[in-house]
Amino acid sequence: MDACLIDCSFSEADLRSAHLQNADLTNANLENANLEGANLKGATLSNANLKGANLQRAYLRQVNLRETHLEGAKLDGANLNGAIR
């Protein structure tokens, strides 16, 4: 996909099963967003706000999570293999 979504706000958005592979979500606001089952393989989430987000069963392989805010996020069943923290 390779979308550039830097500084975008998806607060409380319904992004279930979204395809966001290799997307740049640096500084994005995804607070309380529903990303259940989303494919974020290779995405950049540096300094993104994922507080309270639902990431259950999300595909997060090789995702850049540097300085990402994950307080209260649901990660049950998420694939985080190779994720950078």
N, C-alpha and C. Protein backbone atom coordinates (compact mmCIF):
# COMPACT_ATOMS: atom_id res chain seq x y z
N MET A 1 0.82 -1.18 0.00
CA MET A 1 0.00 0.00 0.00
C MET A 1 0.87 1.25 0.00
N ASP A 2 1.81 1.38 0.91
CA ASP A 2 2.75 2.50 0.96
C ASP A 2 2.07 3.87 1.08
N ALA A 3 0.98 3.97 1.79
CA ALA A 3 0.28 5.25 1.97
C ALA A 3 1.03 6.15 2.95
N CYS A 4 1.00 7.45 2.70
CA CYS A 4 1.59 8.44 3.59
C CYS A 4 0.47 9.06 4.41
N LEU A 5 0.38 8.67 5.69
CA LEU A 5 -0.69 9.12 6.58
C LEU A 5 -0.10 9.81 7.80
N ILE A 6 1.01 10.50 7.62
CA ILE A 6 1.69 11.20 8.70
C ILE A 6 0.77 12.26 9.29
N ASP A 7 0.70 12.31 10.62
CA ASP A 7 -0.08 13.30 11.37
C ASP A 7 -1.59 13.21 11.15
N CYS A 8 -2.09 12.14 10.55
CA CYS A 8 -3.53 12.00 10.33
C CYS A 8 -4.23 11.57 11.62
N SER A 9 -5.51 11.90 11.73
CA SER A 9 -6.29 11.51 12.89
C SER A 9 -7.33 10.47 12.50
N PHE A 10 -7.24 9.31 13.14
CA PHE A 10 -8.21 8.23 12.97
C PHE A 10 -8.79 7.86 14.33
N SER A 11 -8.88 8.83 15.22
CA SER A 11 -9.39 8.60 16.56
C SER A 11 -10.79 8.00 16.49
N GLU A 12 -10.97 6.85 17.15
CA GLU A 12 -12.24 6.13 17.24
C GLU A 12 -12.74 5.62 15.89
N ALA A 13 -11.88 5.57 14.89
CA ALA A 13 -12.27 5.08 13.56
C ALA A 13 -12.44 3.56 13.56
N ASP A 14 -13.32 3.08 12.71
CA ASP A 14 -13.51 1.64 12.52
C ASP A 14 -12.65 1.21 11.33
N LEU A 15 -11.50 0.64 11.64
CA LEU A 15 -10.55 0.21 10.62
C LEU A 15 -10.36 -1.31 10.66
N ARG A 16 -11.41 -2.02 11.06
CA ARG A 16 -11.34 -3.49 11.12
C ARG A 16 -10.95 -4.05 9.75
N SER A 17 -9.99 -4.95 9.77
CA SER A 17 -9.51 -5.65 8.57
C SER A 17 -8.95 -4.71 7.50
N ALA A 18 -8.54 -3.50 7.88
CA ALA A 18 -7.96 -2.55 6.92
C ALA A 18 -6.62 -3.07 6.42
N HIS A 19 -6.27 -2.74 5.19
CA HIS A 19 -4.99 -3.10 4.59
C HIS A 19 -4.11 -1.86 4.57
N LEU A 20 -3.18 -1.79 5.52
CA LEU A 20 -2.30 -0.63 5.67
C LEU A 20 -0.83 -1.04 5.64
N GLN A 21 -0.50 -2.05 4.83
CA GLN A 21 0.88 -2.52 4.74
C GLN A 21 1.79 -1.39 4.30
N ASN A 22 2.92 -1.27 4.99
CA ASN A 22 3.97 -0.29 4.68
C ASN A 22 3.50 1.16 4.77
N ALA A 23 2.35 1.41 5.36
CA ALA A 23 1.86 2.79 5.51
C ALA A 23 2.72 3.55 6.51
N ASP A 24 2.90 4.83 6.27
CA ASP A 24 3.62 5.69 7.21
C ASP A 24 2.58 6.43 8.05
N LEU A 25 2.43 5.97 9.30
CA LEU A 25 1.48 6.54 10.25
C LEU A 25 2.22 7.28 11.37
N THR A 26 3.38 7.84 11.06
CA THR A 26 4.14 8.59 12.04
C THR A 26 3.27 9.71 12.62
N ASN A 27 3.26 9.83 13.93
CA ASN A 27 2.50 10.86 14.66
C ASN A 27 0.99 10.77 14.46
N ALA A 28 0.49 9.68 13.92
CA ALA A 28 -0.96 9.54 13.70
C ALA A 28 -1.68 9.35 15.03
N ASN A 29 -2.92 9.83 15.08
CA ASN A 29 -3.76 9.65 16.25
C ASN A 29 -4.76 8.53 15.96
N LEU A 30 -4.54 7.38 16.59
CA LEU A 30 -5.42 6.22 16.44
C LEU A 30 -6.02 5.84 17.79
N GLU A 31 -6.17 6.82 18.66
CA GLU A 31 -6.71 6.57 20.00
C GLU A 31 -8.10 5.97 19.90
N ASN A 32 -8.29 4.85 20.59
CA ASN A 32 -9.56 4.12 20.64
C ASN A 32 -10.05 3.65 19.27
N ALA A 33 -9.17 3.58 18.29
CA ALA A 33 -9.55 3.08 16.97
C ALA A 33 -9.70 1.56 17.02
N ASN A 34 -10.56 1.02 16.16
CA ASN A 34 -10.73 -0.42 16.06
C ASN A 34 -9.95 -0.93 14.85
N LEU A 35 -8.81 -1.56 15.12
CA LEU A 35 -7.94 -2.11 14.08
C LEU A 35 -7.92 -3.63 14.14
N GLU A 36 -8.98 -4.22 14.66
CA GLU A 36 -9.03 -5.67 14.80
C GLU A 36 -8.85 -6.34 13.44
N GLY A 37 -7.88 -7.25 13.37
CA GLY A 37 -7.62 -7.99 12.15
C GLY A 37 -6.98 -7.19 11.03
N ALA A 38 -6.56 -5.96 11.31
CA ALA A 38 -5.95 -5.11 10.28
C ALA A 38 -4.56 -5.63 9.91
N ASN A 39 -4.16 -5.39 8.67
CA ASN A 39 -2.83 -5.78 8.20
C ASN A 39 -1.97 -4.52 8.13
N LEU A 40 -1.04 -4.41 9.08
CA LEU A 40 -0.13 -3.27 9.15
C LEU A 40 1.31 -3.70 8.93
N LYS A 41 1.53 -4.80 8.25
CA LYS A 41 2.88 -5.32 8.05
C LYS A 41 3.80 -4.24 7.48
N GLY A 42 4.93 -4.01 8.17
CA GLY A 42 5.93 -3.07 7.70
C GLY A 42 5.56 -1.61 7.88
N ALA A 43 4.46 -1.33 8.54
CA ALA A 43 4.03 0.07 8.73
C ALA A 43 4.93 0.79 9.73
N THR A 44 4.98 2.10 9.62
CA THR A 44 5.71 2.94 10.56
C THR A 44 4.69 3.63 11.45
N LEU A 45 4.77 3.33 12.75
CA LEU A 45 3.87 3.91 13.74
C LEU A 45 4.65 4.72 14.77
N SER A 46 5.77 5.28 14.37
CA SER A 46 6.61 6.04 15.29
C SER A 46 5.83 7.20 15.89
N ASN A 47 5.86 7.28 17.21
CA ASN A 47 5.21 8.35 17.96
C ASN A 47 3.70 8.42 17.70
N ALA A 48 3.11 7.33 17.23
CA ALA A 48 1.66 7.30 17.02
C ALA A 48 0.95 7.09 18.35
N ASN A 49 -0.28 7.58 18.44
CA ASN A 49 -1.10 7.41 19.62
C ASN A 49 -2.07 6.26 19.38
N LEU A 50 -1.81 5.12 20.03
CA LEU A 50 -2.68 3.95 19.93
C LEU A 50 -3.30 3.64 21.29
N LYS A 51 -3.43 4.64 22.14
CA LYS A 51 -4.02 4.43 23.46
C LYS A 51 -5.45 3.90 23.31
N GLY A 52 -5.71 2.78 23.98
CA GLY A 52 -7.05 2.20 23.98
C GLY A 52 -7.47 1.58 22.66
N ALA A 53 -6.57 1.49 21.69
CA ALA A 53 -6.92 0.93 20.38
C ALA A 53 -7.11 -0.59 20.48
N ASN A 54 -7.99 -1.11 19.64
CA ASN A 54 -8.21 -2.55 19.56
C ASN A 54 -7.36 -3.09 18.41
N LEU A 55 -6.29 -3.80 18.77
CA LEU A 55 -5.38 -4.39 17.79
C LEU A 55 -5.43 -5.92 17.86
N GLN A 56 -6.54 -6.45 18.36
CA GLN A 56 -6.66 -7.90 18.48
C GLN A 56 -6.56 -8.55 17.10
N ARG A 57 -5.75 -9.59 17.03
CA ARG A 57 -5.52 -10.36 15.81
C ARG A 57 -5.00 -9.52 14.64
N ALA A 58 -4.43 -8.36 14.94
CA ALA A 58 -3.83 -7.52 13.89
C ALA A 58 -2.49 -8.11 13.46
N TYR A 59 -2.14 -7.90 12.21
CA TYR A 59 -0.88 -8.39 11.64
C TYR A 59 0.12 -7.24 11.69
N LEU A 60 1.02 -7.31 12.67
CA LEU A 60 1.95 -6.22 12.95
C LEU A 60 3.41 -6.64 12.75
N ARG A 61 3.66 -7.57 11.84
CA ARG A 61 5.04 -8.00 11.58
C ARG A 61 5.86 -6.84 11.05
N GLN A 62 7.08 -6.72 11.58
CA GLN A 62 8.06 -5.73 11.12
C GLN A 62 7.54 -4.29 11.21
N VAL A 63 6.64 -4.03 12.14
CA VAL A 63 6.11 -2.68 12.35
C VAL A 63 7.08 -1.89 13.21
N ASN A 64 7.26 -0.62 12.90
CA ASN A 64 8.10 0.28 13.69
C ASN A 64 7.23 0.92 14.76
N LEU A 65 7.46 0.53 16.02
CA LEU A 65 6.68 1.02 17.16
C LEU A 65 7.51 1.95 18.06
N ARG A 66 8.54 2.57 17.52
CA ARG A 66 9.38 3.45 18.35
C ARG A 66 8.56 4.62 18.87
N GLU A 67 8.60 4.79 20.19
CA GLU A 67 7.92 5.88 20.89
C GLU A 67 6.40 5.88 20.66
N THR A 68 5.86 4.72 20.30
CA THR A 68 4.41 4.59 20.11
C THR A 68 3.74 4.47 21.47
N HIS A 69 2.60 5.13 21.63
CA HIS A 69 1.84 5.12 22.88
C HIS A 69 0.79 4.01 22.80
N LEU A 70 0.99 2.96 23.61
CA LEU A 70 0.13 1.78 23.56
C LEU A 70 -0.64 1.54 24.86
N GLU A 71 -0.73 2.54 25.72
CA GLU A 71 -1.41 2.37 27.00
C GLU A 71 -2.86 1.95 26.77
N GLY A 72 -3.25 0.83 27.39
CA GLY A 72 -4.62 0.35 27.30
C GLY A 72 -4.99 -0.30 25.98
N ALA A 73 -4.04 -0.44 25.07
CA ALA A 73 -4.33 -1.08 23.77
C ALA A 73 -4.54 -2.58 23.97
N LYS A 74 -5.44 -3.16 23.19
CA LYS A 74 -5.72 -4.59 23.23
C LYS A 74 -4.93 -5.26 22.12
N LEU A 75 -4.02 -6.16 22.52
CA LEU A 75 -3.12 -6.81 21.55
C LEU A 75 -3.29 -8.32 21.53
N ASP A 76 -4.39 -8.84 22.08
CA ASP A 76 -4.61 -10.28 22.12
C ASP A 76 -4.57 -10.88 20.71
N GLY A 77 -3.72 -11.87 20.52
CA GLY A 77 -3.65 -12.57 19.24
C GLY A 77 -2.95 -11.81 18.13
N ALA A 78 -2.40 -10.63 18.43
CA ALA A 78 -1.70 -9.85 17.40
C ALA A 78 -0.35 -10.49 17.08
N ASN A 79 0.06 -10.42 15.83
CA ASN A 79 1.34 -10.95 15.38
C ASN A 79 2.34 -9.80 15.37
N LEU A 80 3.27 -9.82 16.33
CA LEU A 80 4.27 -8.77 16.48
C LEU A 80 5.68 -9.25 16.12
N ASN A 81 5.80 -10.34 15.38
CA ASN A 81 7.12 -10.86 15.02
C ASN A 81 7.91 -9.81 14.25
N GLY A 82 9.12 -9.57 14.70
CA GLY A 82 10.01 -8.63 14.02
C GLY A 82 9.67 -7.17 14.24
N ALA A 83 8.72 -6.88 15.12
CA ALA A 83 8.37 -5.49 15.39
C ALA A 83 9.53 -4.77 16.06
N ILE A 84 9.70 -3.51 15.74
CA ILE A 84 10.76 -2.67 16.31
C ILE A 84 10.14 -1.81 17.39
N ARG A 85 10.73 -1.88 18.59
CA ARG A 85 10.18 -1.09 19.70
C ARG A 85 11.20 -0.15 20.21
